[in-house]
């Protein structure tokens, strides 16, 4: 009962942020994106009673583009498009009043062709993903571009210069907007692979090409950057995005796919860094994305287990734990850390 009260407080707090000072509607959202091949992925929709708390907190559920493809990509394991349709996954998310996002490969090396065919294929693939979800009773609110400026650094894509990739992203965004103008297209970018300077330059290049990003989600390897650089650069990028009216988000993920507990150690680490960096709930990033794509030593993407939310180290358990930790802000709260 106490946890349900906490969840209700969260929802009320999110709305209250918009009242004081007559501010614009709050963009603060928790996103959930399970590892694509998790064995209990379909169970999220068949047994919603197993994640009532985490589901209350979740605003956006993100699929991978491969979940919409037929024939199925091996990365999704049993979670094929047909299986998701049978479970009424897309329809149920609409019934639960959740928004749907899809992570897409906008610029990849195989799309970097000498002619326009590569980007035409990229656009067509993303539009097909949106259509597949619509045909199954859902509606896509967001497309999240999977690190186009990582793939774009390859020589075949014109890298390491940023401008050729910015041109391709602008072509992609224009094509998607023409087909589905209501779908917002945002950017995932890797740090410290891209520096704060580079990421600000990327956002400027996109804006100047009429392809302003709908959001910026940071895929941070904090083991590489270190805590000091994380705190400095994430605050800097949040400030920059705020000035540009671009929602800013942090992806909360783990790096070890061999067990849920090892995965959870990294989730706890980046959660604590995020809490200490931003300090208070109202200062937290607009988007907090609980997402896994980690691969086990056997080559499977099945970590962490999603359910039930009361099982330590399940993904939904971690999501609600991250929420409680960030709601507490900079003060360490011990039990709220999802270890």
Foldseek 3Di string as FASTA:
>chain_A
DVLVVVLVVVVVVQQVVCVVPNHDRFLAFEEEEAAQQAPCPLVCLVPVVLQVSLLSRHQEYEYELQQLDPPGDCQNHPSHVVSCLVSLVQQVCVVSNHAYEYEFAQAALQLLDPDNVSNVVRLVSVVSSQVSSVVSNHGHAEYEHDANLVRCQDVSQVHPDLQSSLVSLLVNQVSNCVSPVRHAYAYEHEPPVPPLVRVLVSQVSNVVSVRHGQAYEYPYPCVVCPLVSCLVSLVVVQVSCVVVVHFYEYEQWAAEQAELVNGLVSSLVVLLSQLQSQFALVRGGSYYYDHFNYAYPVGHRRPDAQGRLPDQSHSSVQSSLSVVQNNVGNDDDPVSRRD
